[in-house]
Amino acid sequence: MRIRHKKGLVRIFYTMTICDLKKGERATILRVETDELLKERLRMLNISTNRDVTVLKVSPFGKTFLLGAGSATVALRREIANAIRVFRA
């Protein structure tokens, strides 16, 4: 969404978590809000700031999420997916 501002057009991003995305949606990661050990592990799996992820599959009741991140395919539990802030690409 874009709005007018005195300095021109401004783009506003609505942030959400991975849990808010549906199957097939693509998003860009804003930040990962977990402890440093898990954050480093996710970074090794291409899940870090300013990376694009795609939701490939959501399990029944939304307990796990299968993500495509670069060349990696990663499954995340809901608790971890709630800690990753994204905006739709």
C-alpha atoms as a PDB file:
ATOM      1  CA  MET A   1       0.000   0.000   0.000  1.00  0.00           C
ATOM      2  CA  ARG A   2       1.220   3.495  -0.756  1.00  0.00           C
ATOM      3  CA  ILE A   3       0.175   6.739   0.864  1.00  0.00           C
ATOM      4  CA  ARG A   4       1.028  10.359   0.218  1.00  0.00           C
ATOM      5  CA  HIS A   5       3.438  12.125   2.541  1.00  0.00           C
ATOM      6  CA  LYS A   6       4.895  15.622   2.350  1.00  0.00           C
ATOM      7  CA  LYS A   7       8.147  14.102   1.020  1.00  0.00           C
ATOM      8  CA  GLY A   8       6.387  12.014  -1.656  1.00  0.00           C
ATOM      9  CA  LEU A   9       4.987   8.506  -1.790  1.00  0.00           C
ATOM     10  CA  VAL A  10       5.649   6.232   1.175  1.00  0.00           C
ATOM     11  CA  ARG A  11       5.254   2.463   1.116  1.00  0.00           C
ATOM     12  CA  ILE A  12       3.776   0.845   4.221  1.00  0.00           C
ATOM     13  CA  PHE A  13       4.488  -2.791   5.036  1.00  0.00           C
ATOM     14  CA  TYR A  14       2.050  -4.827   7.072  1.00  0.00           C
ATOM     15  CA  THR A  15       4.161  -7.234   9.091  1.00  0.00           C
ATOM     16  CA  MET A  16       3.023 -10.691  10.056  1.00  0.00           C
ATOM     17  CA  THR A  17       4.483 -14.048  10.990  1.00  0.00           C
ATOM     18  CA  ILE A  18       4.918 -17.117   8.844  1.00  0.00           C
ATOM     19  CA  CYS A  19       1.831 -18.575  10.562  1.00  0.00           C
ATOM     20  CA  ASP A  20      -0.285 -15.871   8.879  1.00  0.00           C
ATOM     21  CA  LEU A  21       0.728 -16.993   5.377  1.00  0.00           C
ATOM     22  CA  LYS A  22      -1.186 -19.510   3.275  1.00  0.00           C
ATOM     23  CA  LYS A  23       0.098 -22.252   1.003  1.00  0.00           C
ATOM     24  CA  GLY A  24       1.827 -20.825  -2.063  1.00  0.00           C
ATOM     25  CA  GLU A  25       2.406 -17.339  -0.643  1.00  0.00           C
ATOM     26  CA  ARG A  26       5.818 -15.726  -0.829  1.00  0.00           C
ATOM     27  CA  ALA A  27       7.240 -13.352   1.786  1.00  0.00           C
ATOM     28  CA  THR A  28      10.443 -11.556   2.750  1.00  0.00           C
ATOM     29  CA  ILE A  29      11.838 -12.029   6.239  1.00  0.00           C
ATOM     30  CA  LEU A  30      12.123  -8.857   8.336  1.00  0.00           C
ATOM     31  CA  ARG A  31      13.620 -10.378  11.485  1.00  0.00           C
ATOM     32  CA  VAL A  32      13.981 -13.634  13.386  1.00  0.00           C
ATOM     33  CA  GLU A  33      13.032 -13.258  17.061  1.00  0.00           C
ATOM     34  CA  THR A  34      14.601 -16.368  18.636  1.00  0.00           C
ATOM     35  CA  ASP A  35      17.655 -17.133  20.740  1.00  0.00           C
ATOM     36  CA  GLU A  36      21.065 -16.897  19.080  1.00  0.00           C
ATOM     37  CA  LEU A  37      21.614 -20.663  18.791  1.00  0.00           C
ATOM     38  CA  LEU A  38      18.386 -21.242  16.870  1.00  0.00           C
ATOM     39  CA  LYS A  39      18.900 -18.065  14.851  1.00  0.00           C
ATOM     40  CA  GLU A  40      22.297 -19.355  13.682  1.00  0.00           C
ATOM     41  CA  ARG A  41      20.812 -22.745  12.767  1.00  0.00           C
ATOM     42  CA  LEU A  42      18.065 -21.071  10.735  1.00  0.00           C
ATOM     43  CA  ARG A  43      20.653 -18.846   9.044  1.00  0.00           C
ATOM     44  CA  MET A  44      22.425 -22.011   7.837  1.00  0.00           C
ATOM     45  CA  LEU A  45      19.118 -23.112   6.285  1.00  0.00           C
ATOM     46  CA  ASN A  46      18.696 -19.812   4.342  1.00  0.00           C
ATOM     47  CA  ILE A  47      16.185 -18.342   6.804  1.00  0.00           C
ATOM     48  CA  SER A  48      17.557 -14.939   7.761  1.00  0.00           C
ATOM     49  CA  THR A  49      16.811 -11.247   7.346  1.00  0.00           C
ATOM     50  CA  ASN A  50      15.991 -10.007   3.815  1.00  0.00           C
ATOM     51  CA  ARG A  51      15.607 -13.527   2.385  1.00  0.00           C
ATOM     52  CA  ASP A  52      12.535 -14.688   0.485  1.00  0.00           C
ATOM     53  CA  VAL A  53      10.606 -17.749   1.646  1.00  0.00           C
ATOM     54  CA  THR A  54       7.669 -19.574   0.091  1.00  0.00           C
ATOM     55  CA  VAL A  55       5.125 -21.603   2.032  1.00  0.00           C
ATOM     56  CA  LEU A  56       5.018 -24.964   0.284  1.00  0.00           C
ATOM     57  CA  LYS A  57       2.668 -26.805   2.613  1.00  0.00           C
ATOM     58  CA  VAL A  58       0.796 -26.321   5.887  1.00  0.00           C
ATOM     59  CA  SER A  59      -0.093 -29.339   8.011  1.00  0.00           C
ATOM     60  CA  PRO A  60      -3.619 -29.888   9.325  1.00  0.00           C
ATOM     61  CA  PHE A  61      -4.450 -27.475  12.149  1.00  0.00           C
ATOM     62  CA  GLY A  62      -1.354 -25.411  11.190  1.00  0.00           C
ATOM     63  CA  LYS A  63       1.088 -27.209  13.491  1.00  0.00           C
ATOM     64  CA  THR A  64       3.992 -27.370  11.014  1.00  0.00           C
ATOM     65  CA  PHE A  65       4.972 -25.337   7.973  1.00  0.00           C
ATOM     66  CA  LEU A  66       7.047 -26.539   5.029  1.00  0.00           C
ATOM     67  CA  LEU A  67       9.037 -23.629   3.584  1.00  0.00           C
ATOM     68  CA  GLY A  68      11.141 -23.200   0.499  1.00  0.00           C
ATOM     69  CA  ALA A  69      14.077 -20.919   1.259  1.00  0.00           C
ATOM     70  CA  GLY A  70      16.561 -20.605  -1.562  1.00  0.00           C
ATOM     71  CA  SER A  71      17.684 -24.137  -2.406  1.00  0.00           C
ATOM     72  CA  ALA A  72      16.621 -25.527   0.993  1.00  0.00           C
ATOM     73  CA  THR A  73      13.303 -26.985   2.072  1.00  0.00           C
ATOM     74  CA  VAL A  74      12.683 -26.494   5.789  1.00  0.00           C
ATOM     75  CA  ALA A  75       9.910 -27.719   8.095  1.00  0.00           C
ATOM     76  CA  LEU A  76       9.171 -25.496  11.101  1.00  0.00           C
ATOM     77  CA  ARG A  77       6.928 -25.967  14.120  1.00  0.00           C
ATOM     78  CA  ARG A  78       4.330 -23.311  14.877  1.00  0.00           C
ATOM     79  CA  GLU A  79       6.342 -21.925  17.837  1.00  0.00           C
ATOM     80  CA  ILE A  80       9.340 -21.185  15.621  1.00  0.00           C
ATOM     81  CA  ALA A  81       7.204 -19.916  12.721  1.00  0.00           C
ATOM     82  CA  ASN A  82       5.558 -17.423  15.100  1.00  0.00           C
ATOM     83  CA  ALA A  83       8.992 -15.984  15.909  1.00  0.00           C
ATOM     84  CA  ILE A  84       9.786 -15.087  12.268  1.00  0.00           C
ATOM     85  CA  ARG A  85       8.393 -11.683  11.195  1.00  0.00           C
ATOM     86  CA  VAL A  86       7.741 -11.304   7.469  1.00  0.00           C
ATOM     87  CA  PHE A  87       5.956  -9.108   4.918  1.00  0.00           C
ATOM     88  CA  ARG A  88       4.389 -10.290   1.683  1.00  0.00           C
ATOM     89  CA  ALA A  89       6.624  -9.909  -1.324  1.00  0.00           C
END
